[in-house]
Amino acid sequence: MRDMIRRILLAILMLLSLAASALAQDAAGFPDFLKGVRQDALAQGISAHTLDITLGKAQFIPHVIELDQTQPETTLSFQDYLARIVSQTRLDTGRAQLAQNHDILTQIGARYGVQPRFIVALWGIETNFGSNTGKYNVISALATLAYEGRRSDFFRKELLNALIMVDSKHVPATEMTGSWAGAMGQSQFMPSSFLNFAVSWQNNGAPDIWQKRDDVFASIANYLSGSGWRGDQGWGVQVLPPPGLDATQIGLGQRKSVGDWELLGVVAANNGTLPDQSLSASLIEPGGPDGPAFLVFDNYRTILKWNNSSYFATAVGSLADGID
């Protein structure tokens, strides 16, 4: 028995050693990679000074790669994910925040045509209502992900956008902190989202999605509005499909009116009622055929533009409904 345990421990140590060796080997080419990014950035007009204070201090972060490979959407079941993300504590806090920020949320919601509960839901899920914005250096995190290989083109573009942010004086390089994936501030915007959608609610300088709550709310609302949000609709409703429903009817590729779904035998779950019969909807089962089913509307697709995960989008909708 002891020999077996010893062999297992030795095997684990060997694997860890190999992993560390592989990461060290990967990191060896990181400086040359940054030189290439620097050339691309200079060609786009980004100043040499900006590149000195950003790329010149960027570091390869092995832990970022580990986190990229163990995201909760890929390691948890749908039910476990929903229970974790839409917890009772988060529901209670969400209701309190919705009430506490009622006036500013009402103003922002009216301007952008976005219901305040969805602004609060995204804020709550992304950073636990601003309490967990991430402490990674965004430049280093993005450079690591761009260099590491998985989705390298995407992260290289985001890295260049982050450099544009610094060069345009949207935010000092030393204050550009965020998640391991390069998402920033209380709204967890990627650099491209910041450049496209971040706004200063008071029009008094660069948007501050790190510290100014009104900028955070307005930026979230502007993102949703600019991505096709419908303020007169919800996101979806939990339903019970009829037994034996053709599996080809399930998925975002299929659209029917709520009335047509009802004719097929789809009913609201928990003795609820279905919304407007004319609404275009898709029937989805995020957790597979053994999990809950939902009729989802165009706003659900807009949430997917924020994060292309059915787990995430369903959690946002569920939290929004739960705090309203």
C-alpha atoms as a PDB file:
ATOM      1  CA  MET A   1       0.000   0.000   0.000  1.00  0.00           C
ATOM      2  CA  ARG A   2       2.789   2.400   0.941  1.00  0.00           C
ATOM      3  CA  ASP A   3       4.626   1.576  -2.284  1.00  0.00           C
ATOM      4  CA  MET A   4       1.504   2.361  -4.280  1.00  0.00           C
ATOM      5  CA  ILE A   5       1.047   5.707  -2.516  1.00  0.00           C
ATOM      6  CA  ARG A   6       4.721   6.500  -3.082  1.00  0.00           C
ATOM      7  CA  ARG A   7       4.410   5.715  -6.803  1.00  0.00           C
ATOM      8  CA  ILE A   8       1.309   7.892  -7.090  1.00  0.00           C
ATOM      9  CA  LEU A   9       3.048  10.784  -5.347  1.00  0.00           C
ATOM     10  CA  LEU A  10       6.087  10.417  -7.573  1.00  0.00           C
ATOM     11  CA  ALA A  11       3.856  10.400 -10.645  1.00  0.00           C
ATOM     12  CA  ILE A  12       2.109  13.578  -9.468  1.00  0.00           C
ATOM     13  CA  LEU A  13       5.429  15.268  -8.799  1.00  0.00           C
ATOM     14  CA  MET A  14       6.658  14.268 -12.231  1.00  0.00           C
ATOM     15  CA  LEU A  15       3.553  15.686 -13.879  1.00  0.00           C
ATOM     16  CA  LEU A  16       3.905  18.936 -11.945  1.00  0.00           C
ATOM     17  CA  SER A  17       7.549  19.149 -12.911  1.00  0.00           C
ATOM     18  CA  LEU A  18       6.718  18.570 -16.565  1.00  0.00           C
ATOM     19  CA  ALA A  19       3.975  21.198 -16.416  1.00  0.00           C
ATOM     20  CA  ALA A  20       6.332  23.712 -14.807  1.00  0.00           C
ATOM     21  CA  SER A  21       8.971  22.931 -17.405  1.00  0.00           C
ATOM     22  CA  ALA A  22       6.467  23.391 -20.222  1.00  0.00           C
ATOM     23  CA  LEU A  23       5.325  26.745 -18.827  1.00  0.00           C
ATOM     24  CA  ALA A  24       8.911  27.908 -18.449  1.00  0.00           C
ATOM     25  CA  GLN A  25       9.573  26.896 -22.025  1.00  0.00           C
ATOM     26  CA  ASP A  26       6.470  28.755 -23.153  1.00  0.00           C
ATOM     27  CA  ALA A  27       7.464  31.864 -21.219  1.00  0.00           C
ATOM     28  CA  ALA A  28      10.882  31.888 -22.874  1.00  0.00           C
ATOM     29  CA  GLY A  29       9.373  33.179 -26.105  1.00  0.00           C
ATOM     30  CA  PHE A  30       7.216  35.823 -24.411  1.00  0.00           C
ATOM     31  CA  PRO A  31       9.649  38.758 -24.881  1.00  0.00           C
ATOM     32  CA  ASP A  32       9.870  38.123 -28.627  1.00  0.00           C
ATOM     33  CA  PHE A  33       6.088  37.937 -28.785  1.00  0.00           C
ATOM     34  CA  LEU A  34       5.848  41.345 -27.107  1.00  0.00           C
ATOM     35  CA  LYS A  35       8.256  42.791 -29.657  1.00  0.00           C
ATOM     36  CA  GLY A  36       5.870  41.740 -32.392  1.00  0.00           C
ATOM     37  CA  VAL A  37       2.914  43.314 -30.584  1.00  0.00           C
ATOM     38  CA  ARG A  38       4.940  46.491 -30.153  1.00  0.00           C
ATOM     39  CA  GLN A  39       5.538  46.717 -33.903  1.00  0.00           C
ATOM     40  CA  ASP A  40       1.822  46.249 -34.601  1.00  0.00           C
ATOM     41  CA  ALA A  41       0.949  48.894 -32.017  1.00  0.00           C
ATOM     42  CA  LEU A  42       3.416  51.407 -33.430  1.00  0.00           C
ATOM     43  CA  ALA A  43       1.930  50.829 -36.869  1.00  0.00           C
ATOM     44  CA  GLN A  44      -1.489  51.724 -35.439  1.00  0.00           C
ATOM     45  CA  GLY A  45      -0.155  55.015 -34.100  1.00  0.00           C
ATOM     46  CA  ILE A  46       0.208  54.081 -30.449  1.00  0.00           C
ATOM     47  CA  SER A  47       3.045  56.074 -28.917  1.00  0.00           C
ATOM     48  CA  ALA A  48       6.383  54.559 -27.965  1.00  0.00           C
ATOM     49  CA  HIS A  49       5.982  56.042 -24.472  1.00  0.00           C
ATOM     50  CA  THR A  50       2.713  54.167 -23.946  1.00  0.00           C
ATOM     51  CA  LEU A  51       4.330  50.940 -25.085  1.00  0.00           C
ATOM     52  CA  ASP A  52       7.283  51.477 -22.764  1.00  0.00           C
ATOM     53  CA  ILE A  53       5.050  51.804 -19.698  1.00  0.00           C
ATOM     54  CA  THR A  54       2.738  48.927 -20.697  1.00  0.00           C
ATOM     55  CA  LEU A  55       4.412  46.247 -22.792  1.00  0.00           C
ATOM     56  CA  GLY A  56       7.750  47.167 -21.277  1.00  0.00           C
ATOM     57  CA  LYS A  57       6.437  45.965 -17.909  1.00  0.00           C
ATOM     58  CA  ALA A  58       4.184  43.121 -19.060  1.00  0.00           C
ATOM     59  CA  GLN A  59       4.783  39.717 -17.516  1.00  0.00           C
ATOM     60  CA  PHE A  60       3.796  36.184 -18.470  1.00  0.00           C
ATOM     61  CA  ILE A  61       1.299  34.876 -15.870  1.00  0.00           C
ATOM     62  CA  PRO A  62       1.063  31.049 -15.826  1.00  0.00           C
ATOM     63  CA  HIS A  63      -1.935  31.093 -13.462  1.00  0.00           C
ATOM     64  CA  VAL A  64      -3.971  32.926 -16.096  1.00  0.00           C
ATOM     65  CA  ILE A  65      -3.609  29.939 -18.415  1.00  0.00           C
ATOM     66  CA  GLU A  66      -4.744  27.581 -15.658  1.00  0.00           C
ATOM     67  CA  LEU A  67      -7.845  29.679 -14.991  1.00  0.00           C
ATOM     68  CA  ASP A  68      -8.651  29.836 -18.694  1.00  0.00           C
ATOM     69  CA  GLN A  69      -8.838  26.059 -18.750  1.00  0.00           C
ATOM     70  CA  THR A  70     -11.106  25.668 -15.707  1.00  0.00           C
ATOM     71  CA  GLN A  71     -13.982  28.089 -16.207  1.00  0.00           C
ATOM     72  CA  PRO A  72     -17.125  27.236 -14.182  1.00  0.00           C
ATOM     73  CA  GLU A  73     -19.298  27.041 -17.304  1.00  0.00           C
ATOM     74  CA  THR A  74     -17.223  24.054 -18.394  1.00  0.00           C
ATOM     75  CA  THR A  75     -16.708  22.365 -15.015  1.00  0.00           C
ATOM     76  CA  LEU A  76     -20.132  22.638 -13.327  1.00  0.00           C
ATOM     77  CA  SER A  77     -23.524  21.216 -14.201  1.00  0.00           C
ATOM     78  CA  PHE A  78     -26.156  23.790 -15.144  1.00  0.00           C
ATOM     79  CA  GLN A  79     -28.063  23.285 -11.899  1.00  0.00           C
ATOM     80  CA  ASP A  80     -24.911  23.641  -9.775  1.00  0.00           C
ATOM     81  CA  TYR A  81     -23.864  26.721 -11.741  1.00  0.00           C
ATOM     82  CA  LEU A  82     -27.280  28.351 -11.315  1.00  0.00           C
ATOM     83  CA  ALA A  83     -27.353  27.575  -7.596  1.00  0.00           C
ATOM     84  CA  ARG A  84     -23.917  29.138  -7.173  1.00  0.00           C
ATOM     85  CA  ILE A  85     -24.480  32.227  -9.319  1.00  0.00           C
ATOM     86  CA  VAL A  86     -28.092  32.958  -8.368  1.00  0.00           C
ATOM     87  CA  SER A  87     -27.727  32.267  -4.653  1.00  0.00           C
ATOM     88  CA  GLN A  88     -30.128  33.503  -2.010  1.00  0.00           C
ATOM     89  CA  THR A  89     -27.472  35.895  -0.755  1.00  0.00           C
ATOM     90  CA  ARG A  90     -27.080  37.403  -4.208  1.00  0.00           C
ATOM     91  CA  LEU A  91     -30.852  37.666  -4.630  1.00  0.00           C
ATOM     92  CA  ASP A  92     -31.170  39.469  -1.295  1.00  0.00           C
ATOM     93  CA  THR A  93     -28.275  41.804  -2.084  1.00  0.00           C
ATOM     94  CA  GLY A  94     -29.655  42.444  -5.556  1.00  0.00           C
ATOM     95  CA  ARG A  95     -33.018  43.536  -4.163  1.00  0.00           C
ATOM     96  CA  ALA A  96     -31.289  45.832  -1.702  1.00  0.00           C
ATOM     97  CA  GLN A  97     -29.080  47.376  -4.405  1.00  0.00           C
ATOM     98  CA  LEU A  98     -32.042  47.844  -6.738  1.00  0.00           C
ATOM     99  CA  ALA A  99     -33.849  49.783  -3.999  1.00  0.00           C
ATOM    100  CA  GLN A 100     -30.774  51.696  -2.828  1.00  0.00           C
ATOM    101  CA  ASN A 101     -29.930  52.914  -6.342  1.00  0.00           C
ATOM    102  CA  HIS A 102     -33.527  53.329  -7.485  1.00  0.00           C
ATOM    103  CA  ASP A 103     -33.320  56.970  -8.591  1.00  0.00           C
ATOM    104  CA  ILE A 104     -30.171  56.769 -10.713  1.00  0.00           C
ATOM    105  CA  LEU A 105     -31.163  53.391 -12.153  1.00  0.00           C
ATOM    106  CA  THR A 106     -34.556  54.774 -13.150  1.00  0.00           C
ATOM    107  CA  GLN A 107     -32.929  57.705 -14.943  1.00  0.00           C
ATOM    108  CA  ILE A 108     -30.412  55.512 -16.735  1.00  0.00           C
ATOM    109  CA  GLY A 109     -33.023  52.892 -17.582  1.00  0.00           C
ATOM    110  CA  ALA A 110     -35.269  55.529 -19.119  1.00  0.00           C
ATOM    111  CA  ARG A 111     -32.474  57.006 -21.235  1.00  0.00           C
ATOM    112  CA  TYR A 112     -31.260  53.701 -22.632  1.00  0.00           C
ATOM    113  CA  GLY A 113     -34.493  51.694 -22.629  1.00  0.00           C
ATOM    114  CA  VAL A 114     -33.158  49.006 -20.295  1.00  0.00           C
ATOM    115  CA  GLN A 115     -35.005  47.728 -17.243  1.00  0.00           C
ATOM    116  CA  PRO A 116     -32.974  48.480 -14.081  1.00  0.00           C
ATOM    117  CA  ARG A 117     -33.210  44.888 -12.820  1.00  0.00           C
ATOM    118  CA  PHE A 118     -31.082  43.680 -15.722  1.00  0.00           C
ATOM    119  CA  ILE A 119     -28.438  46.333 -15.064  1.00  0.00           C
ATOM    120  CA  VAL A 120     -28.227  45.216 -11.442  1.00  0.00           C
ATOM    121  CA  ALA A 121     -28.228  41.525 -12.408  1.00  0.00           C
ATOM    122  CA  LEU A 122     -25.237  41.916 -14.725  1.00  0.00           C
ATOM    123  CA  TRP A 123     -23.432  44.034 -12.137  1.00  0.00           C
ATOM    124  CA  GLY A 124     -24.155  41.439  -9.478  1.00  0.00           C
ATOM    125  CA  ILE A 125     -22.988  38.448 -11.466  1.00  0.00           C
ATOM    126  CA  GLU A 126     -19.926  40.070 -12.981  1.00  0.00           C
ATOM    127  CA  THR A 127     -18.397  41.545  -9.827  1.00  0.00           C
ATOM    128  CA  ASN A 128     -20.746  40.732  -6.948  1.00  0.00           C
ATOM    129  CA  PHE A 129     -22.104  44.285  -7.074  1.00  0.00           C
ATOM    130  CA  GLY A 130     -18.700  45.885  -7.465  1.00  0.00           C
ATOM    131  CA  SER A 131     -16.952  44.079  -4.630  1.00  0.00           C
ATOM    132  CA  ASN A 132     -14.778  41.791  -6.760  1.00  0.00           C
ATOM    133  CA  THR A 133     -13.379  43.533  -9.830  1.00  0.00           C
ATOM    134  CA  GLY A 134     -10.122  41.579 -10.076  1.00  0.00           C
ATOM    135  CA  LYS A 135      -6.568  42.598  -9.300  1.00  0.00           C
ATOM    136  CA  TYR A 136      -4.703  41.302 -12.344  1.00  0.00           C
ATOM    137  CA  ASN A 137      -2.682  43.670 -14.472  1.00  0.00           C
ATOM    138  CA  VAL A 138      -4.853  43.754 -17.596  1.00  0.00           C
ATOM    139  CA  ILE A 139      -1.962  44.261 -20.007  1.00  0.00           C
ATOM    140  CA  SER A 140      -0.065  41.267 -18.631  1.00  0.00           C
ATOM    141  CA  ALA A 141      -3.187  39.075 -18.522  1.00  0.00           C
ATOM    142  CA  LEU A 142      -4.154  39.869 -22.112  1.00  0.00           C
ATOM    143  CA  ALA A 143      -0.592  39.469 -23.333  1.00  0.00           C
ATOM    144  CA  THR A 144      -0.386  36.054 -21.644  1.00  0.00           C
ATOM    145  CA  LEU A 145      -3.647  34.892 -23.260  1.00  0.00           C
ATOM    146  CA  ALA A 146      -2.664  36.299 -26.644  1.00  0.00           C
ATOM    147  CA  TYR A 147       0.688  34.511 -26.456  1.00  0.00           C
ATOM    148  CA  GLU A 148      -0.572  31.227 -24.994  1.00  0.00           C
ATOM    149  CA  GLY A 149      -2.406  30.246 -28.169  1.00  0.00           C
ATOM    150  CA  ARG A 150      -6.043  29.496 -27.292  1.00  0.00           C
ATOM    151  CA  ARG A 151      -8.135  32.272 -28.882  1.00  0.00           C
ATOM    152  CA  SER A 152      -4.878  34.123 -29.436  1.00  0.00           C
ATOM    153  CA  ASP A 153      -6.261  36.323 -32.226  1.00  0.00           C
ATOM    154  CA  PHE A 154      -9.109  37.538 -30.022  1.00  0.00           C
ATOM    155  CA  PHE A 155      -6.870  38.372 -27.086  1.00  0.00           C
ATOM    156  CA  ARG A 156      -4.244  40.023 -29.287  1.00  0.00           C
ATOM    157  CA  LYS A 157      -6.929  42.414 -30.574  1.00  0.00           C
ATOM    158  CA  GLU A 158      -8.071  43.090 -27.022  1.00  0.00           C
ATOM    159  CA  LEU A 159      -4.470  43.735 -25.989  1.00  0.00           C
ATOM    160  CA  LEU A 160      -4.120  46.344 -28.735  1.00  0.00           C
ATOM    161  CA  ASN A 161      -7.422  47.902 -27.637  1.00  0.00           C
ATOM    162  CA  ALA A 162      -6.110  48.084 -24.071  1.00  0.00           C
ATOM    163  CA  LEU A 163      -3.021  49.891 -25.350  1.00  0.00           C
ATOM    164  CA  ILE A 164      -5.284  52.336 -27.193  1.00  0.00           C
ATOM    165  CA  MET A 165      -7.116  52.993 -23.922  1.00  0.00           C
ATOM    166  CA  VAL A 166      -3.881  53.945 -22.192  1.00  0.00           C
ATOM    167  CA  ASP A 167      -2.618  55.957 -25.153  1.00  0.00           C
ATOM    168  CA  SER A 168      -5.909  57.887 -25.327  1.00  0.00           C
ATOM    169  CA  LYS A 169      -5.687  58.587 -21.587  1.00  0.00           C
ATOM    170  CA  HIS A 170      -8.925  56.785 -20.783  1.00  0.00           C
ATOM    171  CA  VAL A 171      -7.175  55.189 -17.839  1.00  0.00           C
ATOM    172  CA  PRO A 172      -3.591  55.213 -16.481  1.00  0.00           C
ATOM    173  CA  ALA A 173      -1.698  51.993 -17.108  1.00  0.00           C
ATOM    174  CA  THR A 174      -1.116  51.526 -13.370  1.00  0.00           C
ATOM    175  CA  GLU A 175      -4.876  51.571 -12.695  1.00  0.00           C
ATOM    176  CA  MET A 176      -5.834  49.165 -15.473  1.00  0.00           C
ATOM    177  CA  THR A 177      -6.683  46.183 -13.326  1.00  0.00           C
ATOM    178  CA  GLY A 178      -9.275  43.483 -13.849  1.00  0.00           C
ATOM    179  CA  SER A 179      -9.949  39.790 -14.126  1.00  0.00           C
ATOM    180  CA  TRP A 180      -7.557  37.117 -15.325  1.00  0.00           C
ATOM    181  CA  ALA A 181      -9.224  37.351 -18.751  1.00  0.00           C
ATOM    182  CA  GLY A 182      -8.682  41.099 -19.065  1.00  0.00           C
ATOM    183  CA  ALA A 183     -12.227  42.177 -18.179  1.00  0.00           C
ATOM    184  CA  MET A 184     -12.198  45.475 -16.315  1.00  0.00           C
ATOM    185  CA  GLY A 185     -14.031  47.399 -13.684  1.00  0.00           C
ATOM    186  CA  GLN A 186     -17.362  46.785 -11.987  1.00  0.00           C
ATOM    187  CA  SER A 187     -18.959  46.008 -15.339  1.00  0.00           C
ATOM    188  CA  GLN A 188     -16.110  43.695 -16.404  1.00  0.00           C
ATOM    189  CA  PHE A 189     -15.772  45.229 -19.866  1.00  0.00           C
ATOM    190  CA  MET A 190     -13.180  43.910 -22.242  1.00  0.00           C
ATOM    191  CA  PRO A 191     -11.160  46.770 -23.804  1.00  0.00           C
ATOM    192  CA  SER A 192     -13.219  46.667 -27.019  1.00  0.00           C
ATOM    193  CA  SER A 193     -16.432  46.939 -25.004  1.00  0.00           C
ATOM    194  CA  PHE A 194     -14.977  49.847 -23.054  1.00  0.00           C
ATOM    195  CA  LEU A 195     -14.058  51.702 -26.233  1.00  0.00           C
ATOM    196  CA  ASN A 196     -17.459  51.019 -27.802  1.00  0.00           C
ATOM    197  CA  PHE A 197     -19.857  51.348 -24.878  1.00  0.00           C
ATOM    198  CA  ALA A 198     -18.342  52.871 -21.728  1.00  0.00           C
ATOM    199  CA  VAL A 199     -19.866  56.272 -20.970  1.00  0.00           C
ATOM    200  CA  SER A 200     -19.476  59.037 -18.416  1.00  0.00           C
ATOM    201  CA  TRP A 201     -22.987  59.602 -17.060  1.00  0.00           C
ATOM    202  CA  GLN A 202     -22.140  63.158 -15.980  1.00  0.00           C
ATOM    203  CA  ASN A 203     -20.065  63.853 -19.118  1.00  0.00           C
ATOM    204  CA  ASN A 204     -17.180  64.945 -16.913  1.00  0.00           C
ATOM    205  CA  GLY A 205     -14.211  63.076 -18.328  1.00  0.00           C
ATOM    206  CA  ALA A 206     -13.258  59.554 -19.251  1.00  0.00           C
ATOM    207  CA  PRO A 207     -15.712  56.855 -18.151  1.00  0.00           C
ATOM    208  CA  ASP A 208     -14.741  55.387 -14.790  1.00  0.00           C
ATOM    209  CA  ILE A 209     -16.143  51.851 -14.576  1.00  0.00           C
ATOM    210  CA  TRP A 210     -13.871  51.132 -11.618  1.00  0.00           C
ATOM    211  CA  GLN A 211     -15.097  53.695  -9.075  1.00  0.00           C
ATOM    212  CA  LYS A 212     -18.129  55.670 -10.357  1.00  0.00           C
ATOM    213  CA  ARG A 213     -21.320  53.704  -9.894  1.00  0.00           C
ATOM    214  CA  ASP A 214     -23.362  55.892 -12.254  1.00  0.00           C
ATOM    215  CA  ASP A 215     -20.781  55.297 -15.007  1.00  0.00           C
ATOM    216  CA  VAL A 216     -20.942  51.552 -14.321  1.00  0.00           C
ATOM    217  CA  PHE A 217     -24.744  51.474 -14.609  1.00  0.00           C
ATOM    218  CA  ALA A 218     -24.851  53.728 -17.667  1.00  0.00           C
ATOM    219  CA  SER A 219     -22.129  51.733 -19.423  1.00  0.00           C
ATOM    220  CA  ILE A 220     -23.960  48.442 -18.830  1.00  0.00           C
ATOM    221  CA  ALA A 221     -27.197  49.959 -20.113  1.00  0.00           C
ATOM    222  CA  ASN A 222     -25.443  51.466 -23.140  1.00  0.00           C
ATOM    223  CA  TYR A 223     -23.924  48.087 -23.987  1.00  0.00           C
ATOM    224  CA  LEU A 224     -27.310  46.360 -23.881  1.00  0.00           C
ATOM    225  CA  SER A 225     -29.069  49.151 -25.771  1.00  0.00           C
ATOM    226  CA  GLY A 226     -26.383  49.242 -28.440  1.00  0.00           C
ATOM    227  CA  SER A 227     -26.557  45.464 -28.810  1.00  0.00           C
ATOM    228  CA  GLY A 228     -30.263  45.290 -29.596  1.00  0.00           C
ATOM    229  CA  TRP A 229     -32.018  45.324 -26.218  1.00  0.00           C
ATOM    230  CA  ARG A 230     -35.804  45.639 -26.126  1.00  0.00           C
ATOM    231  CA  GLY A 231     -36.998  47.530 -23.071  1.00  0.00           C
ATOM    232  CA  ASP A 232     -40.584  46.353 -23.571  1.00  0.00           C
ATOM    233  CA  GLN A 233     -39.681  42.660 -23.295  1.00  0.00           C
ATOM    234  CA  GLY A 234     -38.230  40.275 -20.772  1.00  0.00           C
ATOM    235  CA  TRP A 235     -35.586  37.636 -21.437  1.00  0.00           C
ATOM    236  CA  GLY A 236     -37.519  34.378 -21.198  1.00  0.00           C
ATOM    237  CA  VAL A 237     -39.665  32.119 -19.063  1.00  0.00           C
ATOM    238  CA  GLN A 238     -39.240  28.621 -17.661  1.00  0.00           C
ATOM    239  CA  VAL A 239     -41.557  26.141 -19.348  1.00  0.00           C
ATOM    240  CA  LEU A 240     -42.504  22.482 -19.518  1.00  0.00           C
ATOM    241  CA  PRO A 241     -42.195  20.993 -23.022  1.00  0.00           C
ATOM    242  CA  PRO A 242     -44.684  18.274 -23.950  1.00  0.00           C
ATOM    243  CA  PRO A 243     -43.494  14.655 -23.686  1.00  0.00           C
ATOM    244  CA  GLY A 244     -41.961  13.412 -26.899  1.00  0.00           C
ATOM    245  CA  LEU A 245     -41.292  16.836 -28.421  1.00  0.00           C
ATOM    246  CA  ASP A 246     -39.058  16.471 -31.481  1.00  0.00           C
ATOM    247  CA  ALA A 247     -35.513  17.270 -30.337  1.00  0.00           C
ATOM    248  CA  THR A 248     -34.876  19.242 -33.531  1.00  0.00           C
ATOM    249  CA  GLN A 249     -37.269  21.887 -32.187  1.00  0.00           C
ATOM    250  CA  ILE A 250     -34.914  22.671 -29.300  1.00  0.00           C
ATOM    251  CA  GLY A 251     -32.189  25.293 -29.652  1.00  0.00           C
ATOM    252  CA  LEU A 252     -31.650  28.907 -30.630  1.00  0.00           C
ATOM    253  CA  GLY A 253     -31.791  27.930 -34.302  1.00  0.00           C
ATOM    254  CA  GLN A 254     -35.552  27.425 -34.022  1.00  0.00           C
ATOM    255  CA  ARG A 255     -37.890  30.397 -33.653  1.00  0.00           C
ATOM    256  CA  LYS A 256     -41.657  30.368 -33.260  1.00  0.00           C
ATOM    257  CA  SER A 257     -44.225  32.673 -31.728  1.00  0.00           C
ATOM    258  CA  VAL A 258     -45.155  31.968 -28.136  1.00  0.00           C
ATOM    259  CA  GLY A 259     -48.606  31.103 -29.450  1.00  0.00           C
ATOM    260  CA  ASP A 260     -47.190  28.458 -31.799  1.00  0.00           C
ATOM    261  CA  TRP A 261     -45.137  26.951 -28.973  1.00  0.00           C
ATOM    262  CA  GLU A 262     -48.280  26.777 -26.904  1.00  0.00           C
ATOM    263  CA  LEU A 263     -50.081  24.946 -29.714  1.00  0.00           C
ATOM    264  CA  LEU A 264     -47.269  22.380 -29.620  1.00  0.00           C
ATOM    265  CA  GLY A 265     -48.037  21.778 -25.945  1.00  0.00           C
ATOM    266  CA  VAL A 266     -45.454  23.997 -24.240  1.00  0.00           C
ATOM    267  CA  VAL A 267     -46.797  25.382 -20.961  1.00  0.00           C
ATOM    268  CA  ALA A 268     -45.367  27.689 -18.311  1.00  0.00           C
ATOM    269  CA  ALA A 269     -43.676  26.002 -15.385  1.00  0.00           C
ATOM    270  CA  ASN A 270     -44.758  26.437 -11.764  1.00  0.00           C
ATOM    271  CA  ASN A 271     -48.345  27.311 -12.730  1.00  0.00           C
ATOM    272  CA  GLY A 272     -47.098  30.487 -14.402  1.00  0.00           C
ATOM    273  CA  THR A 273     -48.423  32.162 -17.512  1.00  0.00           C
ATOM    274  CA  LEU A 274     -46.811  32.549 -20.905  1.00  0.00           C
ATOM    275  CA  PRO A 275     -46.158  36.105 -22.143  1.00  0.00           C
ATOM    276  CA  ASP A 276     -47.441  37.862 -25.274  1.00  0.00           C
ATOM    277  CA  GLN A 277     -48.496  35.209 -27.786  1.00  0.00           C
ATOM    278  CA  SER A 278     -46.891  37.106 -30.671  1.00  0.00           C
ATOM    279  CA  LEU A 279     -43.382  37.202 -29.163  1.00  0.00           C
ATOM    280  CA  SER A 280     -40.725  35.337 -31.133  1.00  0.00           C
ATOM    281  CA  ALA A 281     -39.126  32.693 -28.931  1.00  0.00           C
ATOM    282  CA  SER A 282     -36.773  29.729 -28.945  1.00  0.00           C
ATOM    283  CA  LEU A 283     -36.985  26.688 -26.713  1.00  0.00           C
ATOM    284  CA  ILE A 284     -33.705  25.867 -24.973  1.00  0.00           C
ATOM    285  CA  GLU A 285     -32.479  23.331 -22.430  1.00  0.00           C
ATOM    286  CA  PRO A 286     -29.168  24.720 -21.075  1.00  0.00           C
ATOM    287  CA  GLY A 287     -28.605  21.689 -18.854  1.00  0.00           C
ATOM    288  CA  GLY A 288     -29.673  19.104 -21.408  1.00  0.00           C
ATOM    289  CA  PRO A 289     -32.923  17.119 -21.669  1.00  0.00           C
ATOM    290  CA  ASP A 290     -32.924  16.259 -17.962  1.00  0.00           C
ATOM    291  CA  GLY A 291     -32.724  19.900 -16.872  1.00  0.00           C
ATOM    292  CA  PRO A 292     -35.157  22.822 -16.961  1.00  0.00           C
ATOM    293  CA  ALA A 293     -36.409  24.249 -20.267  1.00  0.00           C
ATOM    294  CA  PHE A 294     -36.967  27.895 -21.168  1.00  0.00           C
ATOM    295  CA  LEU A 295     -38.646  29.902 -23.882  1.00  0.00           C
ATOM    296  CA  VAL A 296     -36.206  32.739 -24.565  1.00  0.00           C
ATOM    297  CA  PHE A 297     -36.677  35.974 -26.482  1.00  0.00           C
ATOM    298  CA  ASP A 298     -34.466  38.395 -28.396  1.00  0.00           C
ATOM    299  CA  ASN A 299     -33.129  39.959 -25.180  1.00  0.00           C
ATOM    300  CA  TYR A 300     -31.632  36.583 -24.306  1.00  0.00           C
ATOM    301  CA  ARG A 301     -29.622  36.752 -27.511  1.00  0.00           C
ATOM    302  CA  THR A 302     -28.455  40.222 -26.505  1.00  0.00           C
ATOM    303  CA  ILE A 303     -27.166  38.866 -23.186  1.00  0.00           C
ATOM    304  CA  LEU A 304     -25.291  36.217 -25.176  1.00  0.00           C
ATOM    305  CA  LYS A 305     -23.446  39.028 -26.967  1.00  0.00           C
ATOM    306  CA  TRP A 306     -22.125  40.039 -23.545  1.00  0.00           C
ATOM    307  CA  ASN A 307     -21.076  36.465 -22.716  1.00  0.00           C
ATOM    308  CA  ASN A 308     -21.776  33.697 -25.210  1.00  0.00           C
ATOM    309  CA  SER A 309     -22.766  31.118 -22.585  1.00  0.00           C
ATOM    310  CA  SER A 310     -26.275  29.774 -22.126  1.00  0.00           C
ATOM    311  CA  TYR A 311     -25.435  29.179 -18.461  1.00  0.00           C
ATOM    312  CA  PHE A 312     -24.479  32.831 -18.007  1.00  0.00           C
ATOM    313  CA  ALA A 313     -27.384  34.297 -19.971  1.00  0.00           C
ATOM    314  CA  THR A 314     -29.950  32.171 -18.128  1.00  0.00           C
ATOM    315  CA  ALA A 315     -28.408  33.127 -14.791  1.00  0.00           C
ATOM    316  CA  VAL A 316     -28.635  36.839 -15.649  1.00  0.00           C
ATOM    317  CA  GLY A 317     -32.299  36.487 -16.560  1.00  0.00           C
ATOM    318  CA  SER A 318     -33.064  34.412 -13.479  1.00  0.00           C
ATOM    319  CA  LEU A 319     -31.346  36.897 -11.151  1.00  0.00           C
ATOM    320  CA  ALA A 320     -33.097  39.853 -12.814  1.00  0.00           C
ATOM    321  CA  ASP A 321     -36.491  38.212 -12.333  1.00  0.00           C
ATOM    322  CA  GLY A 322     -35.649  37.215  -8.770  1.00  0.00           C
ATOM    323  CA  ILE A 323     -34.763  40.733  -7.624  1.00  0.00           C
ATOM    324  CA  ASP A 324     -37.600  42.573  -9.354  1.00  0.00           C
END
